[in-house]
Amino acid sequence: MDELRYLREVNVDETITAAYRLTGAGEDGARWQVSVDMTNSDNAVVATVMTTGAWIGLRSRRITAPPTDLAAAVNDLRSDDFVVLENANRPRPPSP
């Protein structure tokens, strides 16, 4: 799922910088959420993108944890507001 918010107009000759952050992931890293903040040369945020997704195994065609080395590299992108996402494959406890 993607959510894109345009906050300011950008001219064709402006330089835009994108800051990519891992804002959430499941305990095994299979599901993840990233945020991208785009800023102009005045450091004003001009757009944001929030994406939620999952790693899919090429053979199994199912949601799966990423390879260990890839998971370690992605974890380096964790944001200060990182949260552990609930694993949708596990049964949820009953509601009170």
C-alpha atoms as a PDB file:
ATOM      1  CA  MET A   1       0.000   0.000   0.000  1.00  0.00           C
ATOM      2  CA  ASP A   2       1.294   3.462  -0.851  1.00  0.00           C
ATOM      3  CA  GLU A   3       0.329   6.862   0.440  1.00  0.00           C
ATOM      4  CA  LEU A   4       1.691   9.895  -1.400  1.00  0.00           C
ATOM      5  CA  ARG A   5       1.245  13.462  -0.156  1.00  0.00           C
ATOM      6  CA  TYR A   6       2.158  16.490  -2.250  1.00  0.00           C
ATOM      7  CA  LEU A   7       2.821  19.431   0.051  1.00  0.00           C
ATOM      8  CA  ARG A   8       4.428  22.100  -2.143  1.00  0.00           C
ATOM      9  CA  GLU A   9       4.814  22.925  -5.783  1.00  0.00           C
ATOM     10  CA  VAL A  10       8.183  22.053  -7.339  1.00  0.00           C
ATOM     11  CA  ASN A  11       9.684  23.732 -10.388  1.00  0.00           C
ATOM     12  CA  VAL A  12      11.423  21.723 -13.077  1.00  0.00           C
ATOM     13  CA  ASP A  13      14.809  23.341 -12.335  1.00  0.00           C
ATOM     14  CA  GLU A  14      14.712  22.670  -8.545  1.00  0.00           C
ATOM     15  CA  THR A  15      16.957  20.141  -6.847  1.00  0.00           C
ATOM     16  CA  ILE A  16      15.005  17.653  -4.720  1.00  0.00           C
ATOM     17  CA  THR A  17      16.567  15.394  -2.091  1.00  0.00           C
ATOM     18  CA  ALA A  18      14.920  12.139  -0.968  1.00  0.00           C
ATOM     19  CA  ALA A  19      15.500  10.800   2.568  1.00  0.00           C
ATOM     20  CA  TYR A  20      14.624   7.083   2.796  1.00  0.00           C
ATOM     21  CA  ARG A  21      13.828   5.628   6.257  1.00  0.00           C
ATOM     22  CA  LEU A  22      12.714   2.224   7.488  1.00  0.00           C
ATOM     23  CA  THR A  23       9.847   3.147   9.833  1.00  0.00           C
ATOM     24  CA  GLY A  24       8.671  -0.364  10.659  1.00  0.00           C
ATOM     25  CA  ALA A  25       9.247  -4.070  10.096  1.00  0.00           C
ATOM     26  CA  GLY A  26       8.017  -7.405  11.378  1.00  0.00           C
ATOM     27  CA  GLU A  27      10.206  -9.311  13.805  1.00  0.00           C
ATOM     28  CA  ASP A  28      11.537 -11.476  10.953  1.00  0.00           C
ATOM     29  CA  GLY A  29      11.739  -8.566   8.488  1.00  0.00           C
ATOM     30  CA  ALA A  30       9.241 -10.161   6.085  1.00  0.00           C
ATOM     31  CA  ARG A  31       6.843  -7.211   6.297  1.00  0.00           C
ATOM     32  CA  TRP A  32       8.128  -3.654   6.243  1.00  0.00           C
ATOM     33  CA  GLN A  33       7.158  -0.015   6.084  1.00  0.00           C
ATOM     34  CA  VAL A  34       9.271   2.786   4.630  1.00  0.00           C
ATOM     35  CA  SER A  35       8.922   6.532   4.471  1.00  0.00           C
ATOM     36  CA  VAL A  36      10.499   8.889   1.953  1.00  0.00           C
ATOM     37  CA  ASP A  37      10.602  12.626   2.641  1.00  0.00           C
ATOM     38  CA  MET A  38      11.432  14.819  -0.330  1.00  0.00           C
ATOM     39  CA  THR A  39      12.864  18.256   0.388  1.00  0.00           C
ATOM     40  CA  ASN A  40      13.857  21.206  -1.776  1.00  0.00           C
ATOM     41  CA  SER A  41      17.041  23.286  -1.508  1.00  0.00           C
ATOM     42  CA  ASP A  42      15.464  25.309   1.349  1.00  0.00           C
ATOM     43  CA  ASN A  43      14.972  22.027   3.287  1.00  0.00           C
ATOM     44  CA  ALA A  44      11.200  22.408   3.028  1.00  0.00           C
ATOM     45  CA  VAL A  45       9.358  19.087   2.706  1.00  0.00           C
ATOM     46  CA  VAL A  46       7.636  19.094  -0.687  1.00  0.00           C
ATOM     47  CA  ALA A  47       6.264  15.531  -0.705  1.00  0.00           C
ATOM     48  CA  THR A  48       6.153  12.376   1.397  1.00  0.00           C
ATOM     49  CA  VAL A  49       5.646   8.738   0.465  1.00  0.00           C
ATOM     50  CA  MET A  50       4.712   5.982   2.919  1.00  0.00           C
ATOM     51  CA  THR A  51       4.923   2.440   1.557  1.00  0.00           C
ATOM     52  CA  THR A  52       3.989  -0.819   3.269  1.00  0.00           C
ATOM     53  CA  GLY A  53       5.103  -4.068   1.679  1.00  0.00           C
ATOM     54  CA  ALA A  54       6.547  -7.522   2.116  1.00  0.00           C
ATOM     55  CA  TRP A  55       9.361  -9.702   0.805  1.00  0.00           C
ATOM     56  CA  ILE A  56       8.035 -12.431  -1.503  1.00  0.00           C
ATOM     57  CA  GLY A  57       9.925 -15.689  -2.072  1.00  0.00           C
ATOM     58  CA  LEU A  58      10.545 -16.267  -5.785  1.00  0.00           C
ATOM     59  CA  ARG A  59      10.036 -20.019  -5.493  1.00  0.00           C
ATOM     60  CA  SER A  60       7.379 -20.175  -2.800  1.00  0.00           C
ATOM     61  CA  ARG A  61       5.453 -17.088  -3.984  1.00  0.00           C
ATOM     62  CA  ARG A  62       4.688 -16.433  -0.318  1.00  0.00           C
ATOM     63  CA  ILE A  63       5.689 -13.751   2.144  1.00  0.00           C
ATOM     64  CA  THR A  64       9.085 -14.703   3.553  1.00  0.00           C
ATOM     65  CA  ALA A  65      11.923 -13.215   5.579  1.00  0.00           C
ATOM     66  CA  PRO A  66      14.689 -11.639   3.476  1.00  0.00           C
ATOM     67  CA  PRO A  67      18.188 -13.186   3.339  1.00  0.00           C
ATOM     68  CA  THR A  68      20.218 -12.430   6.480  1.00  0.00           C
ATOM     69  CA  ASP A  69      22.722 -10.111   4.775  1.00  0.00           C
ATOM     70  CA  LEU A  70      19.953  -8.115   3.114  1.00  0.00           C
ATOM     71  CA  ALA A  71      18.007  -7.858   6.394  1.00  0.00           C
ATOM     72  CA  ALA A  72      21.139  -6.520   8.129  1.00  0.00           C
ATOM     73  CA  ALA A  73      21.645  -3.872   5.418  1.00  0.00           C
ATOM     74  CA  VAL A  74      17.994  -2.789   5.563  1.00  0.00           C
ATOM     75  CA  ASN A  75      18.108  -2.568   9.374  1.00  0.00           C
ATOM     76  CA  ASP A  76      20.785   0.124   9.031  1.00  0.00           C
ATOM     77  CA  LEU A  77      18.035   2.369   7.586  1.00  0.00           C
ATOM     78  CA  ARG A  78      15.865   2.252  10.740  1.00  0.00           C
ATOM     79  CA  SER A  79      14.368   5.593  11.728  1.00  0.00           C
ATOM     80  CA  ASP A  80      14.180   7.049  15.220  1.00  0.00           C
ATOM     81  CA  ASP A  81      10.427   6.329  15.238  1.00  0.00           C
ATOM     82  CA  PHE A  82      10.824   2.693  14.058  1.00  0.00           C
ATOM     83  CA  VAL A  83       8.101   0.295  15.251  1.00  0.00           C
ATOM     84  CA  VAL A  84       7.843  -3.492  15.165  1.00  0.00           C
ATOM     85  CA  LEU A  85       4.928  -4.435  12.913  1.00  0.00           C
ATOM     86  CA  GLU A  86       2.518  -7.155  13.949  1.00  0.00           C
ATOM     87  CA  ASN A  87       2.980 -10.416  12.055  1.00  0.00           C
ATOM     88  CA  ALA A  88      -0.253 -10.959  10.110  1.00  0.00           C
ATOM     89  CA  ASN A  89       0.499 -14.686   9.676  1.00  0.00           C
ATOM     90  CA  ARG A  90       0.273 -15.403  13.421  1.00  0.00           C
ATOM     91  CA  PRO A  91      -3.122 -15.861  15.042  1.00  0.00           C
ATOM     92  CA  ARG A  92      -4.098 -12.789  17.001  1.00  0.00           C
ATOM     93  CA  PRO A  93      -5.031 -13.113  20.649  1.00  0.00           C
ATOM     94  CA  PRO A  94      -8.744 -12.798  21.349  1.00  0.00           C
ATOM     95  CA  SER A  95     -10.026  -9.298  22.070  1.00  0.00           C
ATOM     96  CA  PRO A  96     -11.091  -8.605  25.669  1.00  0.00           C
END
